[in-house]
Amino acid sequence: MKNEKLTGDEYDALEWIRRGAKNDRVNACVGRNAKRLSGLKLVQYARNGSLSLTDKGQEVLFLRRCVIALRALDADPAAQLDDDVAQFLSRKSHIAARAEGGFELTARGRESLADISAQEPQR
């Protein structure tokens, strides 16, 4: 999974699919990316032609939310985190609760964030 670099547009398409379509038509973002996401086994087609996330797709979106949370905490220790993300990052010793409320990055969390930043292509 580490070699599967997704673009922002592909992450957006996964998020659209996760939320579900309000009608039978998919939007342009999903249409552009559905074939590749299906090939990576992140989404699957149902018999009626609708798209849904696979377990792997849900995991990719969750990990993205964790990375976004780490970056938010690095910028602002008072940043709000979703409960499931905070619980996961705390269990993995990437964040620790602060006495005044909120969370702070641990040394392990800073190291992981630095590794993630080093792997991303420079813009």
PDB file of N, CA and C in Angstrom:
ATOM      1  N   MET A   1       0.821  -1.184   0.000  1.00  0.00           N
ATOM      2  CA  MET A   1       0.000   0.000   0.000  1.00  0.00           C
ATOM      3  C   MET A   1       0.866   1.249   0.000  1.00  0.00           C
ATOM      4  N   LYS A   2       2.112   1.139   0.440  1.00  0.00           N
ATOM      5  CA  LYS A   2       2.954   2.321   0.536  1.00  0.00           C
ATOM      6  C   LYS A   2       3.310   2.893  -0.834  1.00  0.00           C
ATOM      7  N   ASN A   3       3.340   2.053  -1.860  1.00  0.00           N
ATOM      8  CA  ASN A   3       3.715   2.526  -3.191  1.00  0.00           C
ATOM      9  C   ASN A   3       2.541   3.111  -3.958  1.00  0.00           C
ATOM     10  N   GLU A   4       1.357   3.054  -3.389  1.00  0.00           N
ATOM     11  CA  GLU A   4       0.168   3.547  -4.062  1.00  0.00           C
ATOM     12  C   GLU A   4      -0.050   5.013  -3.711  1.00  0.00           C
ATOM     13  N   LYS A   5       0.624   5.882  -4.401  1.00  0.00           N
ATOM     14  CA  LYS A   5       0.479   7.319  -4.167  1.00  0.00           C
ATOM     15  C   LYS A   5      -0.810   7.797  -4.812  1.00  0.00           C
ATOM     16  N   LEU A   6      -1.660   8.383  -4.014  1.00  0.00           N
ATOM     17  CA  LEU A   6      -2.925   8.908  -4.517  1.00  0.00           C
ATOM     18  C   LEU A   6      -2.835  10.426  -4.618  1.00  0.00           C
ATOM     19  N   THR A   7      -3.511  10.961  -5.596  1.00  0.00           N
ATOM     20  CA  THR A   7      -3.566  12.413  -5.764  1.00  0.00           C
ATOM     21  C   THR A   7      -4.693  12.965  -4.892  1.00  0.00           C
ATOM     22  N   GLY A   8      -4.702  14.262  -4.738  1.00  0.00           N
ATOM     23  CA  GLY A   8      -5.781  14.913  -3.997  1.00  0.00           C
ATOM     24  C   GLY A   8      -7.132  14.657  -4.636  1.00  0.00           C
ATOM     25  N   ASP A   9      -7.168  14.619  -5.951  1.00  0.00           N
ATOM     26  CA  ASP A   9      -8.408  14.356  -6.678  1.00  0.00           C
ATOM     27  C   ASP A   9      -8.921  12.941  -6.389  1.00  0.00           C
ATOM     28  N   GLU A  10      -7.997  11.982  -6.284  1.00  0.00           N
ATOM     29  CA  GLU A  10      -8.400  10.609  -5.984  1.00  0.00           C
ATOM     30  C   GLU A  10      -8.911  10.484  -4.551  1.00  0.00           C
ATOM     31  N   TYR A  11      -8.279  11.197  -3.626  1.00  0.00           N
ATOM     32  CA  TYR A  11      -8.786  11.210  -2.245  1.00  0.00           C
ATOM     33  C   TYR A  11     -10.177  11.837  -2.196  1.00  0.00           C
ATOM     34  N   ASP A  12     -10.383  12.898  -2.974  1.00  0.00           N
ATOM     35  CA  ASP A  12     -11.703  13.525  -3.029  1.00  0.00           C
ATOM     36  C   ASP A  12     -12.751  12.558  -3.568  1.00  0.00           C
ATOM     37  N   ALA A  13     -12.381  11.782  -4.593  1.00  0.00           N
ATOM     38  CA  ALA A  13     -13.303  10.804  -5.162  1.00  0.00           C
ATOM     39  C   ALA A  13     -13.650   9.731  -4.124  1.00  0.00           C
ATOM     40  N   LEU A  14     -12.659   9.282  -3.357  1.00  0.00           N
ATOM     41  CA  LEU A  14     -12.935   8.299  -2.309  1.00  0.00           C
ATOM     42  C   LEU A  14     -13.906   8.866  -1.275  1.00  0.00           C
ATOM     43  N   GLU A  15     -13.703  10.131  -0.942  1.00  0.00           N
ATOM     44  CA  GLU A  15     -14.586  10.764   0.044  1.00  0.00           C
ATOM     45  C   GLU A  15     -16.012  10.881  -0.500  1.00  0.00           C
ATOM     46  N   TRP A  16     -16.158  11.213  -1.786  1.00  0.00           N
ATOM     47  CA  TRP A  16     -17.492  11.287  -2.403  1.00  0.00           C
ATOM     48  C   TRP A  16     -18.173   9.928  -2.347  1.00  0.00           C
ATOM     49  N   ILE A  17     -17.416   8.887  -2.636  1.00  0.00           N
ATOM     50  CA  ILE A  17     -17.982   7.533  -2.638  1.00  0.00           C
ATOM     51  C   ILE A  17     -18.353   7.129  -1.211  1.00  0.00           C
ATOM     52  N   ARG A  18     -17.524   7.481  -0.239  1.00  0.00           N
ATOM     53  CA  ARG A  18     -17.809   7.147   1.157  1.00  0.00           C
ATOM     54  C   ARG A  18     -19.122   7.780   1.620  1.00  0.00           C
ATOM     55  N   ARG A  19     -19.320   9.044   1.239  1.00  0.00           N
ATOM     56  CA  ARG A  19     -20.538   9.747   1.636  1.00  0.00           C
ATOM     57  C   ARG A  19     -21.774   9.213   0.938  1.00  0.00           C
ATOM     58  N   GLY A  20     -21.594   8.585  -0.204  1.00  0.00           N
ATOM     59  CA  GLY A  20     -22.716   8.022  -0.948  1.00  0.00           C
ATOM     60  C   GLY A  20     -23.307   9.032  -1.912  1.00  0.00           C
ATOM     61  N   ALA A  21     -23.818   8.528  -2.996  1.00  0.00           N
ATOM     62  CA  ALA A  21     -24.402   9.398  -4.018  1.00  0.00           C
ATOM     63  C   ALA A  21     -25.844   9.717  -3.659  1.00  0.00           C
ATOM     64  N   LYS A  22     -26.235  10.926  -3.945  1.00  0.00           N
ATOM     65  CA  LYS A  22     -27.604  11.339  -3.695  1.00  0.00           C
ATOM     66  C   LYS A  22     -28.526  10.940  -4.852  1.00  0.00           C
ATOM     67  N   ASN A  23     -27.912  10.605  -5.990  1.00  0.00           N
ATOM     68  CA  ASN A  23     -28.690  10.121  -7.122  1.00  0.00           C
ATOM     69  C   ASN A  23     -27.864   9.064  -7.849  1.00  0.00           C
ATOM     70  N   ASP A  24     -28.356   8.572  -8.937  1.00  0.00           N
ATOM     71  CA  ASP A  24     -27.678   7.486  -9.650  1.00  0.00           C
ATOM     72  C   ASP A  24     -26.452   7.943 -10.423  1.00  0.00           C
ATOM     73  N   ARG A  25     -26.343   9.223 -10.680  1.00  0.00           N
ATOM     74  CA  ARG A  25     -25.224   9.732 -11.481  1.00  0.00           C
ATOM     75  C   ARG A  25     -24.041  10.034 -10.581  1.00  0.00           C
ATOM     76  N   VAL A  26     -22.848   9.694 -11.043  1.00  0.00           N
ATOM     77  CA  VAL A  26     -21.638  10.035 -10.300  1.00  0.00           C
ATOM     78  C   VAL A  26     -21.142  11.384 -10.788  1.00  0.00           C
ATOM     79  N   ASN A  27     -20.394  12.078  -9.942  1.00  0.00           N
ATOM     80  CA  ASN A  27     -19.879  13.366 -10.371  1.00  0.00           C
ATOM     81  C   ASN A  27     -18.604  13.173 -11.194  1.00  0.00           C
ATOM     82  N   ALA A  28     -18.090  14.255 -11.751  1.00  0.00           N
ATOM     83  CA  ALA A  28     -16.934  14.180 -12.644  1.00  0.00           C
ATOM     84  C   ALA A  28     -15.691  13.673 -11.924  1.00  0.00           C
ATOM     85  N   CYS A  29     -15.517  14.060 -10.674  1.00  0.00           N
ATOM     86  CA  CYS A  29     -14.356  13.632  -9.901  1.00  0.00           C
ATOM     87  C   CYS A  29     -14.328  12.113  -9.761  1.00  0.00           C
ATOM     88  N   VAL A  30     -15.453  11.533  -9.427  1.00  0.00           N
ATOM     89  CA  VAL A  30     -15.538  10.080  -9.285  1.00  0.00           C
ATOM     90  C   VAL A  30     -15.356   9.413 -10.645  1.00  0.00           C
ATOM     91  N   GLY A  31     -15.968   9.964 -11.668  1.00  0.00           N
ATOM     92  CA  GLY A  31     -15.856   9.402 -13.012  1.00  0.00           C
ATOM     93  C   GLY A  31     -14.430   9.348 -13.517  1.00  0.00           C
ATOM     94  N   ARG A  32     -13.652  10.397 -13.238  1.00  0.00           N
ATOM     95  CA  ARG A  32     -12.253  10.440 -13.671  1.00  0.00           C
ATOM     96  C   ARG A  32     -11.391   9.400 -12.970  1.00  0.00           C
ATOM     97  N   ASN A  33     -11.710   9.088 -11.729  1.00  0.00           N
ATOM     98  CA  ASN A  33     -10.805   8.296 -10.901  1.00  0.00           C
ATOM     99  C   ASN A  33     -11.299   6.894 -10.581  1.00  0.00           C
ATOM    100  N   ALA A  34     -12.509   6.557 -10.947  1.00  0.00           N
ATOM    101  CA  ALA A  34     -13.094   5.274 -10.555  1.00  0.00           C
ATOM    102  C   ALA A  34     -12.304   4.082 -11.087  1.00  0.00           C
ATOM    103  N   LYS A  35     -11.832   4.149 -12.305  1.00  0.00           N
ATOM    104  CA  LYS A  35     -11.128   3.010 -12.892  1.00  0.00           C
ATOM    105  C   LYS A  35      -9.842   2.707 -12.132  1.00  0.00           C
ATOM    106  N   ARG A  36      -9.053   3.736 -11.839  1.00  0.00           N
ATOM    107  CA  ARG A  36      -7.791   3.526 -11.110  1.00  0.00           C
ATOM    108  C   ARG A  36      -8.057   3.065  -9.681  1.00  0.00           C
ATOM    109  N   LEU A  37      -9.029   3.691  -9.020  1.00  0.00           N
ATOM    110  CA  LEU A  37      -9.343   3.307  -7.644  1.00  0.00           C
ATOM    111  C   LEU A  37      -9.862   1.879  -7.574  1.00  0.00           C
ATOM    112  N   SER A  38     -10.604   1.465  -8.591  1.00  0.00           N
ATOM    113  CA  SER A  38     -11.076   0.093  -8.655  1.00  0.00           C
ATOM    114  C   SER A  38      -9.900  -0.862  -8.875  1.00  0.00           C
ATOM    115  N   GLY A  39      -8.967  -0.465  -9.718  1.00  0.00           N
ATOM    116  CA  GLY A  39      -7.777  -1.281  -9.967  1.00  0.00           C
ATOM    117  C   GLY A  39      -6.903  -1.440  -8.737  1.00  0.00           C
ATOM    118  N   LEU A  40      -6.889  -0.417  -7.887  1.00  0.00           N
ATOM    119  CA  LEU A  40      -6.119  -0.476  -6.642  1.00  0.00           C
ATOM    120  C   LEU A  40      -6.899  -1.177  -5.531  1.00  0.00           C
ATOM    121  N   LYS A  41      -8.104  -1.643  -5.855  1.00  0.00           N
ATOM    122  CA  LYS A  41      -8.975  -2.338  -4.904  1.00  0.00           C
ATOM    123  C   LYS A  41      -9.418  -1.449  -3.745  1.00  0.00           C
ATOM    124  N   LEU A  42      -9.598  -0.152  -4.020  1.00  0.00           N
ATOM    125  CA  LEU A  42     -10.084   0.786  -3.019  1.00  0.00           C
ATOM    126  C   LEU A  42     -11.592   0.965  -3.112  1.00  0.00           C
ATOM    127  N   VAL A  43     -12.146   0.738  -4.298  1.00  0.00           N
ATOM    128  CA  VAL A  43     -13.594   0.797  -4.497  1.00  0.00           C
ATOM    129  C   VAL A  43     -14.017  -0.440  -5.288  1.00  0.00           C
ATOM    130  N   GLN A  44     -15.303  -0.751  -5.210  1.00  0.00           N
ATOM    131  CA  GLN A  44     -15.822  -1.877  -5.980  1.00  0.00           C
ATOM    132  C   GLN A  44     -17.165  -1.497  -6.585  1.00  0.00           C
ATOM    133  N   TYR A  45     -17.431  -2.070  -7.724  1.00  0.00           N
ATOM    134  CA  TYR A  45     -18.704  -1.857  -8.402  1.00  0.00           C
ATOM    135  C   TYR A  45     -19.707  -2.904  -7.939  1.00  0.00           C
ATOM    136  N   ALA A  46     -20.918  -2.479  -7.682  1.00  0.00           N
ATOM    137  CA  ALA A  46     -22.000  -3.409  -7.362  1.00  0.00           C
ATOM    138  C   ALA A  46     -22.645  -3.869  -8.666  1.00  0.00           C
ATOM    139  N   ARG A  47     -23.518  -4.830  -8.576  1.00  0.00           N
ATOM    140  CA  ARG A  47     -24.188  -5.329  -9.779  1.00  0.00           C
ATOM    141  C   ARG A  47     -25.021  -4.250 -10.466  1.00  0.00           C
ATOM    142  N   ASN A  48     -25.550  -3.320  -9.677  1.00  0.00           N
ATOM    143  CA  ASN A  48     -26.365  -2.260 -10.268  1.00  0.00           C
ATOM    144  C   ASN A  48     -25.522  -1.099 -10.785  1.00  0.00           C
ATOM    145  N   GLY A  49     -24.201  -1.201 -10.704  1.00  0.00           N
ATOM    146  CA  GLY A  49     -23.310  -0.173 -11.230  1.00  0.00           C
ATOM    147  C   GLY A  49     -22.877   0.873 -10.224  1.00  0.00           C
ATOM    148  N   SER A  50     -23.393   0.805  -9.011  1.00  0.00           N
ATOM    149  CA  SER A  50     -22.996   1.791  -8.009  1.00  0.00           C
ATOM    150  C   SER A  50     -21.621   1.448  -7.430  1.00  0.00           C
ATOM    151  N   LEU A  51     -20.969   2.455  -6.907  1.00  0.00           N
ATOM    152  CA  LEU A  51     -19.640   2.280  -6.326  1.00  0.00           C
ATOM    153  C   LEU A  51     -19.724   2.281  -4.813  1.00  0.00           C
ATOM    154  N   SER A  52     -18.865   1.484  -4.180  1.00  0.00           N
ATOM    155  CA  SER A  52     -18.758   1.506  -2.727  1.00  0.00           C
ATOM    156  C   SER A  52     -17.296   1.299  -2.346  1.00  0.00           C
ATOM    157  N   LEU A  53     -16.945   1.762  -1.156  1.00  0.00           N
ATOM    158  CA  LEU A  53     -15.578   1.600  -0.670  1.00  0.00           C
ATOM    159  C   LEU A  53     -15.350   0.171  -0.204  1.00  0.00           C
ATOM    160  N   THR A  54     -14.156  -0.306  -0.420  1.00  0.00           N
ATOM    161  CA  THR A  54     -13.755  -1.581   0.154  1.00  0.00           C
ATOM    162  C   THR A  54     -13.162  -1.300   1.531  1.00  0.00           C
ATOM    163  N   ASP A  55     -12.835  -2.351   2.253  1.00  0.00           N
ATOM    164  CA  ASP A  55     -12.185  -2.169   3.554  1.00  0.00           C
ATOM    165  C   ASP A  55     -10.863  -1.432   3.396  1.00  0.00           C
ATOM    166  N   LYS A  56     -10.150  -1.740   2.337  1.00  0.00           N
ATOM    167  CA  LYS A  56      -8.871  -1.079   2.066  1.00  0.00           C
ATOM    168  C   LYS A  56      -9.084   0.404   1.795  1.00  0.00           C
ATOM    169  N   GLY A  57     -10.141   0.745   1.079  1.00  0.00           N
ATOM    170  CA  GLY A  57     -10.461   2.144   0.804  1.00  0.00           C
ATOM    171  C   GLY A  57     -10.799   2.898   2.070  1.00  0.00           C
ATOM    172  N   GLN A  58     -11.546   2.266   2.966  1.00  0.00           N
ATOM    173  CA  GLN A  58     -11.878   2.896   4.247  1.00  0.00           C
ATOM    174  C   GLN A  58     -10.624   3.109   5.082  1.00  0.00           C
ATOM    175  N   GLU A  59      -9.705   2.153   5.026  1.00  0.00           N
ATOM    176  CA  GLU A  59      -8.445   2.274   5.767  1.00  0.00           C
ATOM    177  C   GLU A  59      -7.606   3.431   5.234  1.00  0.00           C
ATOM    178  N   VAL A  60      -7.552   3.580   3.918  1.00  0.00           N
ATOM    179  CA  VAL A  60      -6.785   4.676   3.312  1.00  0.00           C
ATOM    180  C   VAL A  60      -7.342   6.028   3.750  1.00  0.00           C
ATOM    181  N   LEU A  61      -8.662   6.168   3.750  1.00  0.00           N
ATOM    182  CA  LEU A  61      -9.268   7.427   4.185  1.00  0.00           C
ATOM    183  C   LEU A  61      -9.020   7.685   5.667  1.00  0.00           C
ATOM    184  N   PHE A  62      -9.070   6.645   6.487  1.00  0.00           N
ATOM    185  CA  PHE A  62      -8.815   6.806   7.919  1.00  0.00           C
ATOM    186  C   PHE A  62      -7.365   7.239   8.157  1.00  0.00           C
ATOM    187  N   LEU A  63      -6.427   6.622   7.461  1.00  0.00           N
ATOM    188  CA  LEU A  63      -5.015   6.996   7.627  1.00  0.00           C
ATOM    189  C   LEU A  63      -4.767   8.427   7.168  1.00  0.00           C
ATOM    190  N   ARG A  64      -5.471   8.850   6.130  1.00  0.00           N
ATOM    191  CA  ARG A  64      -5.346  10.235   5.682  1.00  0.00           C
ATOM    192  C   ARG A  64      -5.851  11.193   6.758  1.00  0.00           C
ATOM    193  N   ARG A  65      -6.966  10.838   7.408  1.00  0.00           N
ATOM    194  CA  ARG A  65      -7.489  11.667   8.496  1.00  0.00           C
ATOM    195  C   ARG A  65      -6.490  11.730   9.652  1.00  0.00           C
ATOM    196  N   CYS A  66      -5.778  10.634   9.901  1.00  0.00           N
ATOM    197  CA  CYS A  66      -4.771  10.617  10.968  1.00  0.00           C
ATOM    198  C   CYS A  66      -3.603  11.547  10.631  1.00  0.00           C
ATOM    199  N   VAL A  67      -3.150  11.522   9.392  1.00  0.00           N
ATOM    200  CA  VAL A  67      -2.051  12.394   8.972  1.00  0.00           C
ATOM    201  C   VAL A  67      -2.476  13.859   9.059  1.00  0.00           C
ATOM    202  N   ILE A  68      -3.693  14.153   8.622  1.00  0.00           N
ATOM    203  CA  ILE A  68      -4.212  15.526   8.705  1.00  0.00           C
ATOM    204  C   ILE A  68      -4.286  15.963  10.163  1.00  0.00           C
ATOM    205  N   ALA A  69      -4.691  15.056  11.052  1.00  0.00           N
ATOM    206  CA  ALA A  69      -4.764  15.377  12.484  1.00  0.00           C
ATOM    207  C   ALA A  69      -3.378  15.653  13.060  1.00  0.00           C
ATOM    208  N   LEU A  70      -2.383  14.863  12.671  1.00  0.00           N
ATOM    209  CA  LEU A  70      -1.016  15.100  13.148  1.00  0.00           C
ATOM    210  C   LEU A  70      -0.514  16.468  12.699  1.00  0.00           C
ATOM    211  N   ARG A  71      -0.787  16.818  11.454  1.00  0.00           N
ATOM    212  CA  ARG A  71      -0.365  18.131  10.953  1.00  0.00           C
ATOM    213  C   ARG A  71      -1.091  19.262  11.671  1.00  0.00           C
ATOM    214  N   ALA A  72      -2.370  19.055  11.954  1.00  0.00           N
ATOM    215  CA  ALA A  72      -3.145  20.079  12.661  1.00  0.00           C
ATOM    216  C   ALA A  72      -2.602  20.277  14.075  1.00  0.00           C
ATOM    217  N   LEU A  73      -2.265  19.194  14.752  1.00  0.00           N
ATOM    218  CA  LEU A  73      -1.712  19.303  16.103  1.00  0.00           C
ATOM    219  C   LEU A  73      -0.326  19.916  16.100  1.00  0.00           C
ATOM    220  N   ASP A  74       0.434  19.667  15.054  1.00  0.00           N
ATOM    221  CA  ASP A  74       1.761  20.271  14.941  1.00  0.00           C
ATOM    222  C   ASP A  74       1.638  21.782  14.812  1.00  0.00           C
ATOM    223  N   ALA A  75       0.629  22.239  14.092  1.00  0.00           N
ATOM    224  CA  ALA A  75       0.422  23.675  13.901  1.00  0.00           C
ATOM    225  C   ALA A  75      -0.267  24.314  15.101  1.00  0.00           C
ATOM    226  N   ASP A  76      -1.212  23.596  15.715  1.00  0.00           N
ATOM    227  CA  ASP A  76      -2.001  24.151  16.816  1.00  0.00           C
ATOM    228  C   ASP A  76      -2.389  23.039  17.789  1.00  0.00           C
ATOM    229  N   PRO A  77      -1.778  22.999  18.989  1.00  0.00           N
ATOM    230  CA  PRO A  77      -2.089  21.937  19.945  1.00  0.00           C
ATOM    231  C   PRO A  77      -3.544  21.937  20.413  1.00  0.00           C
ATOM    232  N   ALA A  78      -4.268  23.005  20.204  1.00  0.00           N
ATOM    233  CA  ALA A  78      -5.671  23.067  20.620  1.00  0.00           C
ATOM    234  C   ALA A  78      -6.621  22.600  19.511  1.00  0.00           C
ATOM    235  N   ALA A  79      -6.084  22.070  18.427  1.00  0.00           N
ATOM    236  CA  ALA A  79      -6.916  21.624  17.306  1.00  0.00           C
ATOM    237  C   ALA A  79      -7.837  20.494  17.744  1.00  0.00           C
ATOM    238  N   GLN A  80      -9.044  20.496  17.203  1.00  0.00           N
ATOM    239  CA  GLN A  80     -10.030  19.471  17.521  1.00  0.00           C
ATOM    240  C   GLN A  80      -9.787  18.225  16.673  1.00  0.00           C
ATOM    241  N   LEU A  81      -9.879  17.064  17.304  1.00  0.00           N
ATOM    242  CA  LEU A  81      -9.712  15.796  16.603  1.00  0.00           C
ATOM    243  C   LEU A  81     -10.985  14.972  16.737  1.00  0.00           C
ATOM    244  N   ASP A  82     -11.257  14.173  15.721  1.00  0.00           N
ATOM    245  CA  ASP A  82     -12.355  13.210  15.820  1.00  0.00           C
ATOM    246  C   ASP A  82     -11.986  12.187  16.886  1.00  0.00           C
ATOM    247  N   ASP A  83     -12.986  11.655  17.554  1.00  0.00           N
ATOM    248  CA  ASP A  83     -12.739  10.713  18.652  1.00  0.00           C
ATOM    249  C   ASP A  83     -11.980   9.471  18.204  1.00  0.00           C
ATOM    250  N   ASP A  84     -12.379   8.897  17.057  1.00  0.00           N
ATOM    251  CA  ASP A  84     -11.714   7.677  16.606  1.00  0.00           C
ATOM    252  C   ASP A  84     -10.261   7.920  16.225  1.00  0.00           C
ATOM    253  N   VAL A  85      -9.977   9.073  15.629  1.00  0.00           N
ATOM    254  CA  VAL A  85      -8.607   9.418  15.252  1.00  0.00           C
ATOM    255  C   VAL A  85      -7.768   9.662  16.502  1.00  0.00           C
ATOM    256  N   ALA A  86      -8.311  10.409  17.460  1.00  0.00           N
ATOM    257  CA  ALA A  86      -7.581  10.686  18.694  1.00  0.00           C
ATOM    258  C   ALA A  86      -7.299   9.393  19.450  1.00  0.00           C
ATOM    259  N   GLN A  87      -8.266   8.505  19.507  1.00  0.00           N
ATOM    260  CA  GLN A  87      -8.077   7.239  20.202  1.00  0.00           C
ATOM    261  C   GLN A  87      -6.987   6.403  19.525  1.00  0.00           C
ATOM    262  N   PHE A  88      -7.004   6.333  18.199  1.00  0.00           N
ATOM    263  CA  PHE A  88      -6.004   5.563  17.458  1.00  0.00           C
ATOM    264  C   PHE A  88      -4.606   6.148  17.653  1.00  0.00           C
ATOM    265  N   LEU A  89      -4.467   7.460  17.472  1.00  0.00           N
ATOM    266  CA  LEU A  89      -3.149   8.089  17.602  1.00  0.00           C
ATOM    267  C   LEU A  89      -2.626   8.005  19.028  1.00  0.00           C
ATOM    268  N   SER A  90      -3.505   8.075  19.988  1.00  0.00           N
ATOM    269  CA  SER A  90      -3.101   7.949  21.386  1.00  0.00           C
ATOM    270  C   SER A  90      -2.647   6.522  21.682  1.00  0.00           C
ATOM    271  N   ARG A  91      -3.375   5.558  21.166  1.00  0.00           N
ATOM    272  CA  ARG A  91      -3.022   4.154  21.371  1.00  0.00           C
ATOM    273  C   ARG A  91      -1.672   3.830  20.734  1.00  0.00           C
ATOM    274  N   LYS A  92      -1.357   4.480  19.623  1.00  0.00           N
ATOM    275  CA  LYS A  92      -0.089   4.265  18.933  1.00  0.00           C
ATOM    276  C   LYS A  92       1.029   5.164  19.474  1.00  0.00           C
ATOM    277  N   SER A  93       0.747   5.909  20.541  1.00  0.00           N
ATOM    278  CA  SER A  93       1.713   6.791  21.215  1.00  0.00           C
ATOM    279  C   SER A  93       2.222   7.919  20.319  1.00  0.00           C
ATOM    280  N   HIS A  94       1.374   8.400  19.400  1.00  0.00           N
ATOM    281  CA  HIS A  94       1.738   9.529  18.554  1.00  0.00           C
ATOM    282  C   HIS A  94       1.303  10.851  19.175  1.00  0.00           C
ATOM    283  N   ILE A  95       0.292  10.808  20.041  1.00  0.00           N
ATOM    284  CA  ILE A  95      -0.167  12.012  20.728  1.00  0.00           C
ATOM    285  C   ILE A  95      -0.352  11.694  22.203  1.00  0.00           C
ATOM    286  N   ALA A  96      -0.335  12.756  23.011  1.00  0.00           N
ATOM    287  CA  ALA A  96      -0.579  12.619  24.444  1.00  0.00           C
ATOM    288  C   ALA A  96      -1.506  13.750  24.868  1.00  0.00           C
ATOM    289  N   ALA A  97      -2.346  13.467  25.849  1.00  0.00           N
ATOM    290  CA  ALA A  97      -3.281  14.479  26.344  1.00  0.00           C
ATOM    291  C   ALA A  97      -2.515  15.553  27.117  1.00  0.00           C
ATOM    292  N   ARG A  98      -2.941  16.810  26.936  1.00  0.00           N
ATOM    293  CA  ARG A  98      -2.347  17.927  27.679  1.00  0.00           C
ATOM    294  C   ARG A  98      -3.193  18.213  28.904  1.00  0.00           C
ATOM    295  N   ALA A  99      -2.567  18.749  29.943  1.00  0.00           N
ATOM    296  CA  ALA A  99      -3.282  19.073  31.175  1.00  0.00           C
ATOM    297  C   ALA A  99      -4.329  20.153  30.937  1.00  0.00           C
ATOM    298  N   GLU A 100      -4.034  21.124  30.104  1.00  0.00           N
ATOM    299  CA  GLU A 100      -4.963  22.221  29.828  1.00  0.00           C
ATOM    300  C   GLU A 100      -5.994  21.885  28.758  1.00  0.00           C
ATOM    301  N   GLY A 101      -6.029  20.634  28.334  1.00  0.00           N
ATOM    302  CA  GLY A 101      -6.990  20.207  27.326  1.00  0.00           C
ATOM    303  C   GLY A 101      -6.342  20.074  25.965  1.00  0.00           C
ATOM    304  N   GLY A 102      -6.885  19.237  25.163  1.00  0.00           N
ATOM    305  CA  GLY A 102      -6.340  19.009  23.836  1.00  0.00           C
ATOM    306  C   GLY A 102      -5.237  17.960  23.874  1.00  0.00           C
ATOM    307  N   PHE A 103      -4.476  17.905  22.808  1.00  0.00           N
ATOM    308  CA  PHE A 103      -3.418  16.912  22.675  1.00  0.00           C
ATOM    309  C   PHE A 103      -2.146  17.587  22.186  1.00  0.00           C
ATOM    310  N   GLU A 104      -1.019  16.902  22.395  1.00  0.00           N
ATOM    311  CA  GLU A 104       0.255  17.355  21.848  1.00  0.00           C
ATOM    312  C   GLU A 104       0.943  16.168  21.200  1.00  0.00           C
ATOM    313  N   LEU A 105       1.786  16.459  20.236  1.00  0.00           N
ATOM    314  CA  LEU A 105       2.530  15.407  19.570  1.00  0.00           C
ATOM    315  C   LEU A 105       3.627  14.891  20.493  1.00  0.00           C
ATOM    316  N   THR A 106       3.829  13.599  20.482  1.00  0.00           N
ATOM    317  CA  THR A 106       4.943  13.009  21.212  1.00  0.00           C
ATOM    318  C   THR A 106       6.148  12.975  20.281  1.00  0.00           C
ATOM    319  N   ALA A 107       7.276  12.547  20.807  1.00  0.00           N
ATOM    320  CA  ALA A 107       8.479  12.420  19.970  1.00  0.00           C
ATOM    321  C   ALA A 107       8.224  11.427  18.833  1.00  0.00           C
ATOM    322  N   ARG A 108       7.522  10.361  19.141  1.00  0.00           N
ATOM    323  CA  ARG A 108       7.190   9.368  18.115  1.00  0.00           C
ATOM    324  C   ARG A 108       6.278   9.970  17.046  1.00  0.00           C
ATOM    325  N   GLY A 109       5.330  10.795  17.453  1.00  0.00           N
ATOM    326  CA  GLY A 109       4.440  11.451  16.505  1.00  0.00           C
ATOM    327  C   GLY A 109       5.184  12.426  15.605  1.00  0.00           C
ATOM    328  N   ARG A 110       6.107  13.183  16.184  1.00  0.00           N
ATOM    329  CA  ARG A 110       6.908  14.111  15.368  1.00  0.00           C
ATOM    330  C   ARG A 110       7.789  13.357  14.374  1.00  0.00           C
ATOM    331  N   GLU A 111       8.331  12.235  14.818  1.00  0.00           N
ATOM    332  CA  GLU A 111       9.166  11.417  13.939  1.00  0.00           C
ATOM    333  C   GLU A 111       8.338  10.859  12.782  1.00  0.00           C
ATOM    334  N   SER A 112       7.147  10.367  13.081  1.00  0.00           N
ATOM    335  CA  SER A 112       6.276   9.842  12.032  1.00  0.00           C
ATOM    336  C   SER A 112       5.861  10.938  11.053  1.00  0.00           C
ATOM    337  N   LEU A 113       5.551  12.107  11.578  1.00  0.00           N
ATOM    338  CA  LEU A 113       5.162  13.224  10.719  1.00  0.00           C
ATOM    339  C   LEU A 113       6.323  13.646   9.821  1.00  0.00           C
ATOM    340  N   ALA A 114       7.535  13.639  10.349  1.00  0.00           N
ATOM    341  CA  ALA A 114       8.709  13.970   9.546  1.00  0.00           C
ATOM    342  C   ALA A 114       8.921  12.932   8.445  1.00  0.00           C
ATOM    343  N   ASP A 115       8.725  11.657   8.762  1.00  0.00           N
ATOM    344  CA  ASP A 115       8.852  10.602   7.746  1.00  0.00           C
ATOM    345  C   ASP A 115       7.814  10.761   6.646  1.00  0.00           C
ATOM    346  N   ILE A 116       6.594  11.067   7.038  1.00  0.00           N
ATOM    347  CA  ILE A 116       5.510  11.250   6.060  1.00  0.00           C
ATOM    348  C   ILE A 116       5.820  12.436   5.158  1.00  0.00           C
ATOM    349  N   SER A 117       6.280  13.532   5.745  1.00  0.00           N
ATOM    350  CA  SER A 117       6.608  14.728   4.965  1.00  0.00           C
ATOM    351  C   SER A 117       7.767  14.475   4.018  1.00  0.00           C
ATOM    352  N   ALA A 118       8.733  13.660   4.439  1.00  0.00           N
ATOM    353  CA  ALA A 118       9.884  13.367   3.598  1.00  0.00           C
ATOM    354  C   ALA A 118       9.497  12.493   2.395  1.00  0.00           C
ATOM    355  N   GLN A 119       8.479  11.668   2.534  1.00  0.00           N
ATOM    356  CA  GLN A 119       8.054  10.783   1.450  1.00  0.00           C
ATOM    357  C   GLN A 119       7.190  11.493   0.417  1.00  0.00           C
ATOM    358  N   GLU A 120       6.592  12.609   0.784  1.00  0.00           N
ATOM    359  CA  GLU A 120       5.721  13.308  -0.153  1.00  0.00           C
ATOM    360  C   GLU A 120       6.543  14.081  -1.168  1.00  0.00           C
ATOM    361  N   PRO A 121       6.069  14.141  -2.396  1.00  0.00           N
ATOM    362  CA  PRO A 121       6.786  14.931  -3.405  1.00  0.00           C
ATOM    363  C   PRO A 121       6.702  16.421  -3.078  1.00  0.00           C
ATOM    364  N   GLN A 122       7.781  17.112  -3.387  1.00  0.00           N
ATOM    365  CA  GLN A 122       7.823  18.545  -3.140  1.00  0.00           C
ATOM    366  C   GLN A 122       6.963  19.266  -4.168  1.00  0.00           C
ATOM    367  N   ARG A 123       6.242  20.282  -3.722  1.00  0.00           N
ATOM    368  CA  ARG A 123       5.346  21.027  -4.624  1.00  0.00           C
ATOM    369  C   ARG A 123       6.024  22.275  -5.084  1.00  0.00           C
TER     370      ARG A 123
END
